[in-house]
Amino acid sequence: MPTSVASALATWLAAITPLPAERLAAAEALGRTLVDDVVAPGDLPAFARSMMDGYAVRRAWAGQEVALAAARHAGDDASLALPLDQAMPIMTGAVVPQGAEAVVPKELVERTASGVRLPAVIAARANIVDIGAEARRGATVLRAGTMIGPLALAALIALDVPTVLVRRRPQVAIRTTGSELCAAGPLALGAIRDSNGPMLAAMFSELGQVAERSSIGDDADALAALIRGNSAELLVLTGGVSAGDKDHVPAVLRDLGAEVLVQGVDQKPGKPLLLARLDGRLVAALPGNPLAVHWCCTAFLAPALRALAGLPTIARRVRVDLGAALPGSKERPWFVPCAITADGRAQPLLPASSADVVGPATISGYASVAAGAAPLPAGAPIDLLLCGAAAWTCA
């Protein structure tokens, strides 16, 4: 009896241990997961900084006309204090001179023959970022378990954090199986182009992971040798996992001593999915039909990568209205590809079969249809499991 998607995913994730840590230069840590908290080694900013192009002033000058001192730009000598009777033109990012109590934006002053006339009200510390306003020395600025994105990377560089302890990036290998597969060029009758390999590699790339890939024919001995020689933390096989005469994957994995975690999932597409562990490494054997491969990668492999990185594994779902009727399902739970249209609705992309990659090509996510569920009319609300990086943007 196939197991449910929820149960299969729970079993799969329970078998995954986050990868060991390694120390990297902060500039090289994009996409990695922090193992330790990051503490600010100093105040940021290290000096009072102007937020505006304007004039550094004292508040007592509000409403008055004042003469101008020499201008200060970002990077200029910061040793000169504000004169007692002159406003200082100052540019964004420059050091606010000692004695200044505010920066008045250029557009709020009136230029005069001898200087500027200031507005009648000047707020204390207006348009000044004070020392340590963004981060205080010793404060925790990034928590363990955070994936380092572009802004987090910028924060590390701005704080002059030299190195960070992060999770090692997993090695992923893709092996498409099937003697009928053809990489490119004219097709012999009965041959099929290998679209699974490039699609999986692209999906992993979208998730920030580089995958090495190759293909192999329907040969049990060659398959066994390939699996024995695998050194990747996650080996992904496509095809050869069902009950056909040349579906060698389940038997080969068992002969090699693999611990089969899940075999058969109550889902459409992707019922024959097999998840295993061999010599401490993960093996995911997916059906050969491309839409089944895409769904299984979305539902099982993407969270596996997150678990290896020590990140949350609850994917993002959005509530949207259907743009067209969604058929029901008489048998097992059905995961229907949908595109989010310009008006924010979910348009079902009903495939001709699970081998169809053309009909669902513009997919945004999957709608879940329970076994025995009645059709839903256009306009009905549904939860859509998003695909790719979009599924994890809020995690």
Protein backbone atom coordinates (compact mmCIF):
# COMPACT_ATOMS: atom_id res chain seq x y z
CA MET A 1 0.00 0.00 0.00
CA PRO A 2 1.63 3.33 -1.04
CA THR A 3 2.33 5.73 1.80
CA SER A 4 0.92 9.25 1.91
CA VAL A 5 2.94 12.21 0.68
CA ALA A 6 3.10 13.66 4.21
CA SER A 7 4.26 10.39 5.75
CA ALA A 8 6.80 9.76 2.98
CA LEU A 9 8.25 13.25 3.36
CA ALA A 10 8.46 12.92 7.16
CA THR A 11 10.28 9.58 6.85
CA TRP A 12 12.65 10.99 4.25
CA LEU A 13 13.51 14.12 6.22
CA ALA A 14 13.97 12.15 9.46
CA ALA A 15 16.79 10.23 7.75
CA ILE A 16 18.70 13.41 6.86
CA THR A 17 21.42 14.88 9.05
CA PRO A 18 22.69 18.39 8.31
CA LEU A 19 26.11 18.41 6.69
CA PRO A 20 29.26 19.27 8.66
CA ALA A 21 30.47 22.83 8.98
CA GLU A 22 33.34 24.58 7.27
CA ARG A 23 34.81 28.05 7.68
CA LEU A 24 34.72 30.34 4.65
CA ALA A 25 35.68 33.88 3.89
CA ALA A 26 32.53 35.96 4.28
CA ALA A 27 32.72 37.08 0.65
CA GLU A 28 32.50 33.43 -0.48
CA ALA A 29 29.57 32.43 1.74
CA LEU A 30 26.61 33.41 -0.47
CA GLY A 31 23.90 30.75 -0.32
CA ARG A 32 25.42 28.97 2.67
CA THR A 33 23.75 28.43 6.04
CA LEU A 34 25.26 29.89 9.20
CA VAL A 35 26.17 27.37 11.90
CA ASP A 36 26.95 30.02 14.55
CA ASP A 37 25.50 33.41 15.36
CA VAL A 38 27.39 36.33 13.83
CA VAL A 39 28.35 39.04 16.33
CA ALA A 40 29.25 42.56 15.23
CA PRO A 41 32.99 43.09 15.77
CA GLY A 42 32.49 46.86 15.93
CA ASP A 43 29.92 49.62 15.74
CA LEU A 44 28.20 50.28 12.42
CA PRO A 45 28.44 52.96 11.35
CA ALA A 46 31.72 53.71 13.07
CA PHE A 47 31.02 57.46 12.73
CA ALA A 48 27.97 59.70 12.59
CA ARG A 49 26.96 59.64 8.91
CA SER A 50 24.85 62.01 6.85
CA MET A 51 21.77 60.46 5.27
CA MET A 52 21.21 63.35 2.89
CA ASP A 53 22.83 65.88 0.63
CA GLY A 54 22.27 69.02 2.68
CA TYR A 55 23.71 71.17 5.43
CA ALA A 56 25.12 70.23 8.84
CA VAL A 57 23.73 72.75 11.32
CA ARG A 58 23.02 73.63 14.93
CA ARG A 59 19.36 73.63 15.94
CA ALA A 60 19.62 77.13 17.42
CA TRP A 61 20.02 78.44 13.87
CA ALA A 62 16.45 77.41 12.90
CA GLY A 63 14.81 80.15 10.79
CA GLN A 64 18.03 82.12 10.50
CA GLU A 65 20.31 82.99 7.62
CA VAL A 66 23.81 81.54 8.06
CA ALA A 67 26.99 81.62 6.04
CA LEU A 68 28.55 78.51 4.57
CA ALA A 69 31.77 76.70 5.42
CA ALA A 70 33.68 74.44 3.01
CA ALA A 71 31.72 71.40 1.87
CA ARG A 72 32.35 67.88 3.15
CA HIS A 73 32.04 64.82 0.91
CA ALA A 74 32.07 61.12 1.68
CA GLY A 75 35.65 60.13 2.39
CA ASP A 76 36.84 63.67 3.20
CA ASP A 77 38.99 64.52 6.21
CA ALA A 78 36.66 64.26 9.21
CA SER A 79 38.79 66.12 11.73
CA LEU A 80 37.26 69.58 11.19
CA ALA A 81 34.41 70.51 13.55
CA LEU A 82 31.39 72.58 12.57
CA PRO A 83 32.26 76.31 12.75
CA LEU A 84 30.41 78.31 15.38
CA ASP A 85 28.66 80.51 12.83
CA GLN A 86 28.64 78.57 9.55
CA ALA A 87 26.55 75.72 8.18
CA MET A 88 28.56 73.02 6.43
CA PRO A 89 27.38 71.69 3.06
CA ILE A 90 27.53 67.91 3.42
CA MET A 91 26.97 65.02 1.06
CA THR A 92 25.31 61.65 1.64
CA GLY A 93 27.64 59.26 3.43
CA ALA A 94 30.03 61.93 4.74
CA VAL A 95 31.11 62.19 8.38
CA VAL A 96 28.87 64.60 10.28
CA PRO A 97 31.15 67.26 11.82
CA GLN A 98 31.52 67.51 15.57
CA GLY A 99 29.08 70.08 16.92
CA ALA A 100 26.40 69.47 14.29
CA GLU A 101 22.97 68.59 15.67
CA ALA A 102 21.12 67.86 12.43
CA VAL A 103 21.43 67.69 8.67
CA VAL A 104 18.90 69.80 6.77
CA PRO A 105 18.20 68.52 3.20
CA LYS A 106 19.14 70.89 0.38
CA GLU A 107 15.54 71.15 -0.80
CA LEU A 108 14.41 72.58 2.58
CA VAL A 109 16.73 75.57 2.62
CA GLU A 110 16.58 78.89 0.76
CA ARG A 111 19.79 79.99 -0.91
CA THR A 112 20.73 83.62 -0.24
CA ALA A 113 23.49 85.90 -1.45
CA SER A 114 25.60 85.18 1.64
CA GLY A 115 24.62 81.63 2.50
CA VAL A 116 21.34 79.81 3.25
CA ARG A 117 18.17 80.48 5.21
CA LEU A 118 17.23 77.47 7.34
CA PRO A 119 13.70 76.18 8.02
CA ALA A 120 11.90 77.35 11.14
CA VAL A 121 11.92 73.88 12.73
CA ILE A 122 14.90 71.55 12.86
CA ALA A 123 14.47 68.18 14.59
CA ALA A 124 17.27 66.84 16.78
CA ARG A 125 19.63 64.42 14.92
CA ALA A 126 17.52 64.76 11.78
CA ASN A 127 19.02 62.85 8.82
CA ILE A 128 21.98 61.63 10.85
CA VAL A 129 22.81 57.95 11.35
CA ASP A 130 24.61 57.90 14.68
CA ILE A 131 27.49 55.64 15.68
CA GLY A 132 26.21 52.09 16.19
CA ALA A 133 22.68 52.88 14.97
CA GLU A 134 22.78 49.92 12.56
CA ALA A 135 24.75 47.51 14.75
CA ARG A 136 26.41 47.78 18.15
CA ARG A 137 29.71 46.08 18.87
CA GLY A 138 28.98 42.66 20.40
CA ALA A 139 25.36 42.54 19.19
CA THR A 140 24.09 39.45 17.35
CA VAL A 141 23.38 40.55 13.79
CA LEU A 142 22.69 37.21 12.05
CA ARG A 143 21.37 34.08 13.75
CA ALA A 144 22.58 30.52 13.27
CA GLY A 145 20.41 28.80 10.67
CA THR A 146 20.22 31.90 8.45
CA MET A 147 20.92 31.38 4.76
CA ILE A 148 23.29 34.10 3.58
CA GLY A 149 21.56 36.06 0.83
CA PRO A 150 22.86 39.16 -0.99
CA LEU A 151 21.90 41.63 1.77
CA ALA A 152 23.26 39.37 4.53
CA LEU A 153 26.47 39.12 2.52
CA ALA A 154 26.58 42.93 2.30
CA ALA A 155 26.08 43.13 6.08
CA LEU A 156 29.02 40.79 6.70
CA ILE A 157 31.26 42.85 4.42
CA ALA A 158 30.09 46.18 5.90
CA LEU A 159 30.79 44.87 9.42
CA ASP A 160 34.21 43.57 8.34
CA VAL A 161 33.43 40.02 9.46
CA PRO A 162 36.36 38.11 7.95
CA THR A 163 35.08 34.53 8.07
CA VAL A 164 31.89 32.63 8.93
CA LEU A 165 31.16 29.04 9.95
CA VAL A 166 28.67 27.60 7.46
CA ARG A 167 27.22 24.27 6.36
CA ARG A 168 29.14 22.50 3.65
CA ARG A 169 27.37 22.51 0.31
CA PRO A 170 26.05 19.04 -0.60
CA GLN A 171 27.27 17.19 -3.65
CA VAL A 172 24.39 16.19 -5.94
CA ALA A 173 24.61 13.71 -8.80
CA ILE A 174 21.87 13.16 -11.41
CA ARG A 175 21.75 9.87 -13.33
CA THR A 176 19.01 9.51 -15.94
CA THR A 177 18.44 5.88 -16.91
CA GLY A 178 16.95 4.31 -20.01
CA SER A 179 18.36 2.85 -23.22
CA GLU A 180 15.78 4.89 -25.15
CA LEU A 181 17.29 8.22 -24.06
CA CYS A 182 19.01 10.44 -26.59
CA ALA A 183 20.84 13.65 -25.71
CA ALA A 184 20.48 15.53 -29.01
CA GLY A 185 20.27 15.16 -32.76
CA PRO A 186 17.85 13.15 -34.92
CA LEU A 187 15.78 10.58 -33.06
CA ALA A 188 15.43 6.96 -34.06
CA LEU A 189 11.88 5.65 -33.92
CA GLY A 190 11.06 4.98 -30.27
CA ALA A 191 13.90 7.10 -28.88
CA ILE A 192 13.23 9.92 -26.41
CA ARG A 193 15.28 13.00 -25.71
CA ASP A 194 16.69 13.18 -22.19
CA SER A 195 14.82 16.20 -20.86
CA ASN A 196 14.93 14.99 -17.24
CA GLY A 197 18.64 15.57 -16.75
CA PRO A 198 18.70 19.22 -17.87
CA MET A 199 15.42 19.92 -16.06
CA LEU A 200 16.69 18.54 -12.74
CA ALA A 201 20.00 20.36 -13.10
CA ALA A 202 18.08 23.59 -13.72
CA MET A 203 15.83 22.99 -10.70
CA PHE A 204 18.83 22.41 -8.46
CA SER A 205 20.52 25.49 -9.88
CA GLU A 206 17.44 27.57 -9.09
CA LEU A 207 17.75 26.33 -5.50
CA GLY A 208 21.40 27.40 -5.41
CA GLN A 209 22.87 23.94 -5.94
CA VAL A 210 25.13 22.75 -8.75
CA ALA A 211 24.52 19.14 -9.81
CA GLU A 212 26.72 16.85 -11.88
CA ARG A 213 24.81 14.66 -14.33
CA SER A 214 25.09 11.79 -16.80
CA SER A 215 22.90 9.04 -18.28
CA ILE A 216 23.03 5.24 -18.40
CA GLY A 217 21.17 2.52 -20.30
CA ASP A 218 19.00 -0.26 -18.91
CA ASP A 219 21.83 -2.46 -17.61
CA ALA A 220 21.63 -3.78 -14.04
CA ASP A 221 25.38 -4.40 -13.69
CA ALA A 222 26.29 -0.99 -15.04
CA LEU A 223 23.70 0.59 -12.76
CA ALA A 224 25.11 -1.23 -9.73
CA ALA A 225 28.63 -0.09 -10.59
CA LEU A 226 27.43 3.49 -11.01
CA ILE A 227 25.68 3.49 -7.63
CA ARG A 228 28.64 1.84 -5.89
CA GLY A 229 30.93 4.52 -7.31
CA ASN A 230 28.71 7.37 -6.19
CA SER A 231 30.30 9.83 -3.77
CA ALA A 232 27.59 12.50 -3.77
CA GLU A 233 25.53 13.14 -0.66
CA LEU A 234 22.39 13.03 -2.83
CA LEU A 235 22.16 10.66 -5.79
CA VAL A 236 19.10 11.23 -7.99
CA LEU A 237 18.05 8.49 -10.42
CA THR A 238 15.27 8.84 -12.96
CA GLY A 239 13.52 5.93 -14.65
CA GLY A 240 13.76 2.21 -14.04
CA VAL A 241 11.98 2.36 -10.70
CA SER A 242 8.59 0.80 -11.47
CA ALA A 243 7.65 -2.82 -12.26
CA GLY A 244 8.78 -3.29 -15.87
CA ASP A 245 11.21 -5.96 -17.07
CA LYS A 246 14.01 -3.40 -17.31
CA ASP A 247 13.17 -1.47 -14.16
CA HIS A 248 16.32 -2.54 -12.31
CA VAL A 249 16.66 0.23 -9.75
CA PRO A 250 14.75 -1.27 -6.76
CA ALA A 251 16.46 -4.67 -7.01
CA VAL A 252 19.92 -3.17 -7.53
CA LEU A 253 19.54 -0.90 -4.51
CA ARG A 254 18.46 -3.81 -2.33
CA ASP A 255 21.31 -6.01 -3.58
CA LEU A 256 23.74 -3.25 -2.66
CA GLY A 257 22.36 -3.17 0.87
CA ALA A 258 20.46 0.11 0.65
CA GLU A 259 18.02 0.97 3.41
CA VAL A 260 14.76 1.62 1.59
CA LEU A 261 12.94 4.38 3.43
CA VAL A 262 9.96 4.82 1.09
CA GLN A 263 8.83 2.78 -1.90
CA GLY A 264 5.59 3.86 -3.51
CA VAL A 265 3.78 7.07 -2.62
CA ASP A 266 0.05 7.72 -2.83
CA GLN A 267 0.38 10.54 -5.37
CA LYS A 268 -0.24 11.40 -8.99
CA PRO A 269 2.19 11.87 -10.66
CA GLY A 270 5.12 9.95 -9.17
CA LYS A 271 3.58 6.89 -7.50
CA PRO A 272 6.69 4.63 -7.91
CA LEU A 273 9.00 7.06 -6.05
CA LEU A 274 11.69 5.25 -4.04
CA LEU A 275 13.74 6.98 -1.35
CA ALA A 276 16.68 5.21 0.26
CA ARG A 277 19.93 5.57 2.11
CA LEU A 278 23.13 3.76 1.14
CA ASP A 279 26.41 4.02 3.03
CA GLY A 280 25.18 7.17 4.75
CA ARG A 281 24.25 8.84 1.47
CA LEU A 282 20.80 9.68 0.16
CA VAL A 283 19.34 8.05 -2.94
CA ALA A 284 16.16 9.31 -4.61
CA ALA A 285 14.89 7.12 -7.44
CA LEU A 286 12.23 8.98 -9.41
CA PRO A 287 9.90 7.73 -12.14
CA GLY A 288 11.00 8.53 -15.69
CA ASN A 289 8.09 10.72 -16.76
CA PRO A 290 9.19 14.38 -16.68
CA LEU A 291 6.19 15.80 -14.83
CA ALA A 292 6.59 13.12 -12.15
CA VAL A 293 10.27 14.05 -11.92
CA HIS A 294 9.38 17.73 -11.54
CA TRP A 295 6.79 17.07 -8.84
CA CYS A 296 9.05 14.71 -6.88
CA CYS A 297 11.89 17.21 -7.01
CA THR A 298 9.57 19.97 -5.79
CA ALA A 299 8.02 17.91 -3.01
CA PHE A 300 10.95 15.75 -1.84
CA LEU A 301 14.33 16.82 -3.20
CA ALA A 302 14.08 20.56 -2.57
CA PRO A 303 13.31 20.04 1.14
CA ALA A 304 16.08 17.42 1.31
CA LEU A 305 18.60 20.05 0.19
CA ARG A 306 17.22 22.38 2.87
CA ALA A 307 17.54 19.69 5.52
CA LEU A 308 21.15 19.00 4.51
CA ALA A 309 21.82 22.72 4.89
CA GLY A 310 20.11 22.88 8.29
CA LEU A 311 17.29 25.09 7.00
CA PRO A 312 13.51 24.93 7.57
CA THR A 313 11.75 22.45 5.30
CA ILE A 314 8.18 23.78 5.23
CA ALA A 315 7.60 25.07 1.72
CA ARG A 316 5.59 28.19 0.99
CA ARG A 317 1.96 27.96 -0.07
CA VAL A 318 -0.16 30.83 -1.32
CA ARG A 319 -3.94 31.15 -1.26
CA VAL A 320 -5.29 32.06 -4.70
CA ASP A 321 -8.54 31.74 -6.64
CA LEU A 322 -8.86 29.38 -9.56
CA GLY A 323 -8.90 30.96 -12.99
CA ALA A 324 -10.66 27.91 -14.47
CA ALA A 325 -12.38 24.79 -13.19
CA LEU A 326 -10.17 22.18 -11.51
CA PRO A 327 -11.20 18.55 -12.12
CA GLY A 328 -11.66 16.17 -9.21
CA SER A 329 -9.70 12.98 -8.60
CA LYS A 330 -11.24 9.52 -8.46
CA GLU A 331 -8.11 7.64 -7.38
CA ARG A 332 -5.04 8.84 -5.50
CA PRO A 333 -4.24 12.44 -4.54
CA TRP A 334 -3.46 14.48 -7.63
CA PHE A 335 -0.99 17.35 -7.77
CA VAL A 336 -1.99 19.60 -10.64
CA PRO A 337 0.46 22.06 -12.20
CA CYS A 338 -0.90 25.62 -12.29
CA ALA A 339 0.30 28.97 -13.58
CA ILE A 340 -0.39 32.19 -11.70
CA THR A 341 -1.85 34.58 -14.26
CA ALA A 342 -1.48 38.36 -14.48
CA ASP A 343 -4.68 38.83 -12.44
CA GLY A 344 -3.31 36.67 -9.61
CA ARG A 345 -5.42 33.56 -10.31
CA ALA A 346 -4.29 29.96 -10.64
CA GLN A 347 -4.78 28.55 -14.12
CA PRO A 348 -4.67 24.71 -14.12
CA LEU A 349 -2.25 23.38 -16.74
CA LEU A 350 -3.86 20.01 -17.33
CA PRO A 351 -1.21 17.76 -18.87
CA ALA A 352 -1.94 15.17 -21.52
CA SER A 353 0.00 12.72 -19.32
CA SER A 354 2.83 12.75 -16.78
CA ALA A 355 5.19 12.60 -19.77
CA ASP A 356 3.90 15.99 -20.97
CA VAL A 357 6.38 18.84 -20.51
CA VAL A 358 4.75 21.24 -22.97
CA GLY A 359 1.36 21.74 -21.32
CA PRO A 360 2.78 22.49 -17.83
CA ALA A 361 5.80 24.44 -19.12
CA THR A 362 4.68 27.74 -17.54
CA ILE A 363 4.09 26.24 -14.08
CA SER A 364 4.12 28.42 -10.95
CA GLY A 365 3.13 25.71 -8.49
CA TYR A 366 0.98 22.70 -7.71
CA ALA A 367 -2.63 22.51 -6.54
CA SER A 368 -3.47 19.50 -4.40
CA VAL A 369 -6.61 17.53 -5.24
CA ALA A 370 -7.56 14.94 -2.62
CA ALA A 371 -8.57 11.42 -3.65
CA GLY A 372 -12.31 11.37 -4.28
CA ALA A 373 -12.54 15.17 -4.34
CA ALA A 374 -15.25 16.76 -6.46
CA PRO A 375 -14.34 19.28 -9.19
CA LEU A 376 -13.84 22.89 -8.11
CA PRO A 377 -15.36 25.73 -10.14
CA ALA A 378 -13.50 28.75 -11.43
CA GLY A 379 -13.16 31.33 -8.66
CA ALA A 380 -12.86 28.75 -5.88
CA PRO A 381 -9.92 29.39 -3.49
CA ILE A 382 -7.06 26.89 -3.43
CA ASP A 383 -3.66 26.57 -1.75
CA LEU A 384 -0.83 26.51 -4.27
CA LEU A 385 2.53 24.94 -3.39
CA LEU A 386 5.04 27.15 -5.17
CA CYS A 387 7.94 25.76 -7.20
CA GLY A 388 11.64 26.44 -7.04
CA ALA A 389 13.23 29.28 -5.11
CA ALA A 390 9.83 31.02 -4.75
CA ALA A 391 8.73 28.23 -2.41
CA TRP A 392 11.38 29.24 0.14
CA THR A 393 11.51 33.04 -0.03
CA CYS A 394 9.65 33.46 3.27
CA ALA A 395 11.40 30.63 5.14
